[in-house]
Amino acid sequence: MGTYYLPRNVKGEGRILFIFTTKSLLYTTIFAGVGLIFYFIFSALKMTMVGLIMVAILALIGFAIGTLKMPELGKFEFAKKTGGENVDDIIRRAIKFKMSGKKIYVYKEGENND
């Protein structure tokens, strides 16, 4: 009998600290940096613990944006269209859409007010 090599998934082996992809690490540090601004403000007001909590919460939000994907929920229209996409891509597209000044007009049949 011969030896057969099974293919291996090596996609996640280039990660830093295993749970962080490069993108999620970048989002976590950016949001934690914003949290540091709040930390310095709250530490000046002698509320250091509140500042640390803000840093942790914002870092967690950044990690979630960089890591999570939008779930496919059948009940909500927006989740049907964006299901399976990265959250940061959805946010980026929404910001681009708002910045371009475009609007969406919806026509509903049978509801004319003439």
C-alpha atoms as a PDB file:
ATOM      1  CA  MET A   1       0.000   0.000   0.000  1.00  0.00           C
ATOM      2  CA  GLY A   2       1.139   3.487  -0.828  1.00  0.00           C
ATOM      3  CA  THR A   3       1.194   6.574   1.319  1.00  0.00           C
ATOM      4  CA  TYR A   4      -1.362   9.241   0.511  1.00  0.00           C
ATOM      5  CA  TYR A   5      -1.171  12.814   1.712  1.00  0.00           C
ATOM      6  CA  LEU A   6      -4.439  14.424   2.688  1.00  0.00           C
ATOM      7  CA  PRO A   7      -4.881  18.092   1.788  1.00  0.00           C
ATOM      8  CA  ARG A   8      -4.821  20.412   4.773  1.00  0.00           C
ATOM      9  CA  ASN A   9      -6.468  23.746   5.328  1.00  0.00           C
ATOM     10  CA  VAL A  10      -3.571  26.122   6.061  1.00  0.00           C
ATOM     11  CA  LYS A  11      -5.611  29.309   5.776  1.00  0.00           C
ATOM     12  CA  GLY A  12      -5.469  30.210   9.477  1.00  0.00           C
ATOM     13  CA  GLU A  13      -1.819  29.417  10.125  1.00  0.00           C
ATOM     14  CA  GLY A  14      -0.589  32.917   9.282  1.00  0.00           C
ATOM     15  CA  ARG A  15      -2.554  34.490  12.104  1.00  0.00           C
ATOM     16  CA  ILE A  16      -1.084  36.503  14.928  1.00  0.00           C
ATOM     17  CA  LEU A  17      -2.070  35.100  18.349  1.00  0.00           C
ATOM     18  CA  PHE A  18      -4.413  32.604  16.611  1.00  0.00           C
ATOM     19  CA  ILE A  19      -7.665  34.558  17.233  1.00  0.00           C
ATOM     20  CA  PHE A  20      -6.500  37.688  15.420  1.00  0.00           C
ATOM     21  CA  THR A  21      -6.395  37.950  11.688  1.00  0.00           C
ATOM     22  CA  THR A  22      -4.469  40.934  10.364  1.00  0.00           C
ATOM     23  CA  LYS A  23      -7.706  42.784   9.649  1.00  0.00           C
ATOM     24  CA  SER A  24      -9.239  42.124  13.080  1.00  0.00           C
ATOM     25  CA  LEU A  25      -6.003  43.125  14.821  1.00  0.00           C
ATOM     26  CA  LEU A  26      -5.985  46.391  12.880  1.00  0.00           C
ATOM     27  CA  TYR A  27      -9.616  47.177  13.753  1.00  0.00           C
ATOM     28  CA  THR A  28      -9.012  46.263  17.407  1.00  0.00           C
ATOM     29  CA  THR A  29      -6.017  48.592  17.732  1.00  0.00           C
ATOM     30  CA  ILE A  30      -7.808  51.471  15.968  1.00  0.00           C
ATOM     31  CA  PHE A  31     -10.880  51.209  18.187  1.00  0.00           C
ATOM     32  CA  ALA A  32      -8.715  50.761  21.309  1.00  0.00           C
ATOM     33  CA  GLY A  33      -6.838  53.924  20.270  1.00  0.00           C
ATOM     34  CA  VAL A  34     -10.143  55.791  20.166  1.00  0.00           C
ATOM     35  CA  GLY A  35     -10.903  54.290  23.572  1.00  0.00           C
ATOM     36  CA  LEU A  36      -7.611  55.667  24.892  1.00  0.00           C
ATOM     37  CA  ILE A  37      -8.872  59.168  24.179  1.00  0.00           C
ATOM     38  CA  PHE A  38     -11.840  58.446  26.456  1.00  0.00           C
ATOM     39  CA  TYR A  39      -9.481  56.905  29.017  1.00  0.00           C
ATOM     40  CA  PHE A  40      -7.429  60.093  29.234  1.00  0.00           C
ATOM     41  CA  ILE A  41     -10.569  62.207  29.534  1.00  0.00           C
ATOM     42  CA  PHE A  42     -12.004  60.040  32.297  1.00  0.00           C
ATOM     43  CA  SER A  43      -8.673  59.731  34.111  1.00  0.00           C
ATOM     44  CA  ALA A  44      -8.487  63.539  34.245  1.00  0.00           C
ATOM     45  CA  LEU A  45     -11.888  63.429  35.937  1.00  0.00           C
ATOM     46  CA  LYS A  46     -10.595  60.798  38.429  1.00  0.00           C
ATOM     47  CA  MET A  47     -12.725  58.036  36.882  1.00  0.00           C
ATOM     48  CA  THR A  48      -9.954  55.744  35.650  1.00  0.00           C
ATOM     49  CA  MET A  49     -12.040  52.547  35.840  1.00  0.00           C
ATOM     50  CA  VAL A  50     -14.699  54.004  33.529  1.00  0.00           C
ATOM     51  CA  GLY A  51     -11.950  54.888  31.046  1.00  0.00           C
ATOM     52  CA  LEU A  52     -10.547  51.354  31.123  1.00  0.00           C
ATOM     53  CA  ILE A  53     -14.005  49.924  30.570  1.00  0.00           C
ATOM     54  CA  MET A  54     -14.476  52.237  27.573  1.00  0.00           C
ATOM     55  CA  VAL A  55     -11.163  51.059  26.084  1.00  0.00           C
ATOM     56  CA  ALA A  56     -12.169  47.415  26.531  1.00  0.00           C
ATOM     57  CA  ILE A  57     -15.641  47.926  25.061  1.00  0.00           C
ATOM     58  CA  LEU A  58     -14.374  49.831  22.031  1.00  0.00           C
ATOM     59  CA  ALA A  59     -11.605  47.272  21.428  1.00  0.00           C
ATOM     60  CA  LEU A  60     -14.217  44.503  21.570  1.00  0.00           C
ATOM     61  CA  ILE A  61     -16.418  46.377  19.080  1.00  0.00           C
ATOM     62  CA  GLY A  62     -13.429  46.778  16.754  1.00  0.00           C
ATOM     63  CA  PHE A  63     -12.605  43.091  17.019  1.00  0.00           C
ATOM     64  CA  ALA A  64     -16.228  42.177  16.240  1.00  0.00           C
ATOM     65  CA  ILE A  65     -16.349  44.460  13.191  1.00  0.00           C
ATOM     66  CA  GLY A  66     -13.099  43.019  11.852  1.00  0.00           C
ATOM     67  CA  THR A  67     -13.982  39.385  12.502  1.00  0.00           C
ATOM     68  CA  LEU A  68     -17.702  38.711  12.286  1.00  0.00           C
ATOM     69  CA  LYS A  69     -19.867  38.090   9.262  1.00  0.00           C
ATOM     70  CA  MET A  70     -23.479  39.148   8.846  1.00  0.00           C
ATOM     71  CA  PRO A  71     -25.792  36.217   9.631  1.00  0.00           C
ATOM     72  CA  GLU A  72     -28.351  35.076   7.083  1.00  0.00           C
ATOM     73  CA  LEU A  73     -31.705  35.775   8.701  1.00  0.00           C
ATOM     74  CA  GLY A  74     -34.798  35.113   6.635  1.00  0.00           C
ATOM     75  CA  LYS A  75     -37.027  37.470   8.607  1.00  0.00           C
ATOM     76  CA  PHE A  76     -35.219  40.706   7.793  1.00  0.00           C
ATOM     77  CA  GLU A  77     -34.801  42.071   4.258  1.00  0.00           C
ATOM     78  CA  PHE A  78     -31.357  43.598   4.860  1.00  0.00           C
ATOM     79  CA  ALA A  79     -30.044  40.329   6.301  1.00  0.00           C
ATOM     80  CA  LYS A  80     -31.218  38.395   3.238  1.00  0.00           C
ATOM     81  CA  LYS A  81     -29.193  40.629   0.945  1.00  0.00           C
ATOM     82  CA  THR A  82     -26.061  40.947   3.084  1.00  0.00           C
ATOM     83  CA  GLY A  83     -25.975  37.506   4.691  1.00  0.00           C
ATOM     84  CA  GLY A  84     -22.495  35.974   4.761  1.00  0.00           C
ATOM     85  CA  GLU A  85     -20.600  39.213   4.059  1.00  0.00           C
ATOM     86  CA  ASN A  86     -18.075  40.758   6.436  1.00  0.00           C
ATOM     87  CA  VAL A  87     -19.490  43.446   8.728  1.00  0.00           C
ATOM     88  CA  ASP A  88     -16.751  45.935   7.846  1.00  0.00           C
ATOM     89  CA  ASP A  89     -17.550  45.616   4.120  1.00  0.00           C
ATOM     90  CA  ILE A  90     -21.218  46.346   4.808  1.00  0.00           C
ATOM     91  CA  ILE A  91     -20.370  49.402   6.918  1.00  0.00           C
ATOM     92  CA  ARG A  92     -17.904  50.655   4.300  1.00  0.00           C
ATOM     93  CA  ARG A  93     -20.498  50.306   1.516  1.00  0.00           C
ATOM     94  CA  ALA A  94     -23.155  52.108   3.583  1.00  0.00           C
ATOM     95  CA  ILE A  95     -20.792  55.020   4.293  1.00  0.00           C
ATOM     96  CA  LYS A  96     -19.846  55.283   0.602  1.00  0.00           C
ATOM     97  CA  PHE A  97     -23.519  55.284  -0.351  1.00  0.00           C
ATOM     98  CA  LYS A  98     -24.369  58.048   2.148  1.00  0.00           C
ATOM     99  CA  MET A  99     -21.352  60.135   1.131  1.00  0.00           C
ATOM    100  CA  SER A 100     -22.287  60.025  -2.554  1.00  0.00           C
ATOM    101  CA  GLY A 101     -25.675  61.599  -1.788  1.00  0.00           C
ATOM    102  CA  LYS A 102     -27.693  58.907  -3.518  1.00  0.00           C
ATOM    103  CA  LYS A 103     -31.236  58.107  -2.459  1.00  0.00           C
ATOM    104  CA  ILE A 104     -33.395  55.024  -2.839  1.00  0.00           C
ATOM    105  CA  TYR A 105     -36.947  55.500  -4.015  1.00  0.00           C
ATOM    106  CA  VAL A 106     -39.405  52.667  -3.517  1.00  0.00           C
ATOM    107  CA  TYR A 107     -42.551  52.379  -5.576  1.00  0.00           C
ATOM    108  CA  LYS A 108     -45.302  50.243  -4.111  1.00  0.00           C
ATOM    109  CA  GLU A 109     -47.940  49.052  -6.549  1.00  0.00           C
ATOM    110  CA  GLY A 110     -51.536  49.729  -5.720  1.00  0.00           C
ATOM    111  CA  GLU A 111     -50.825  52.515  -3.224  1.00  0.00           C
ATOM    112  CA  ASN A 112     -51.310  55.603  -5.369  1.00  0.00           C
ATOM    113  CA  ASN A 113     -52.616  58.681  -3.604  1.00  0.00           C
ATOM    114  CA  ASP A 114     -54.082  60.302  -6.736  1.00  0.00           C
END
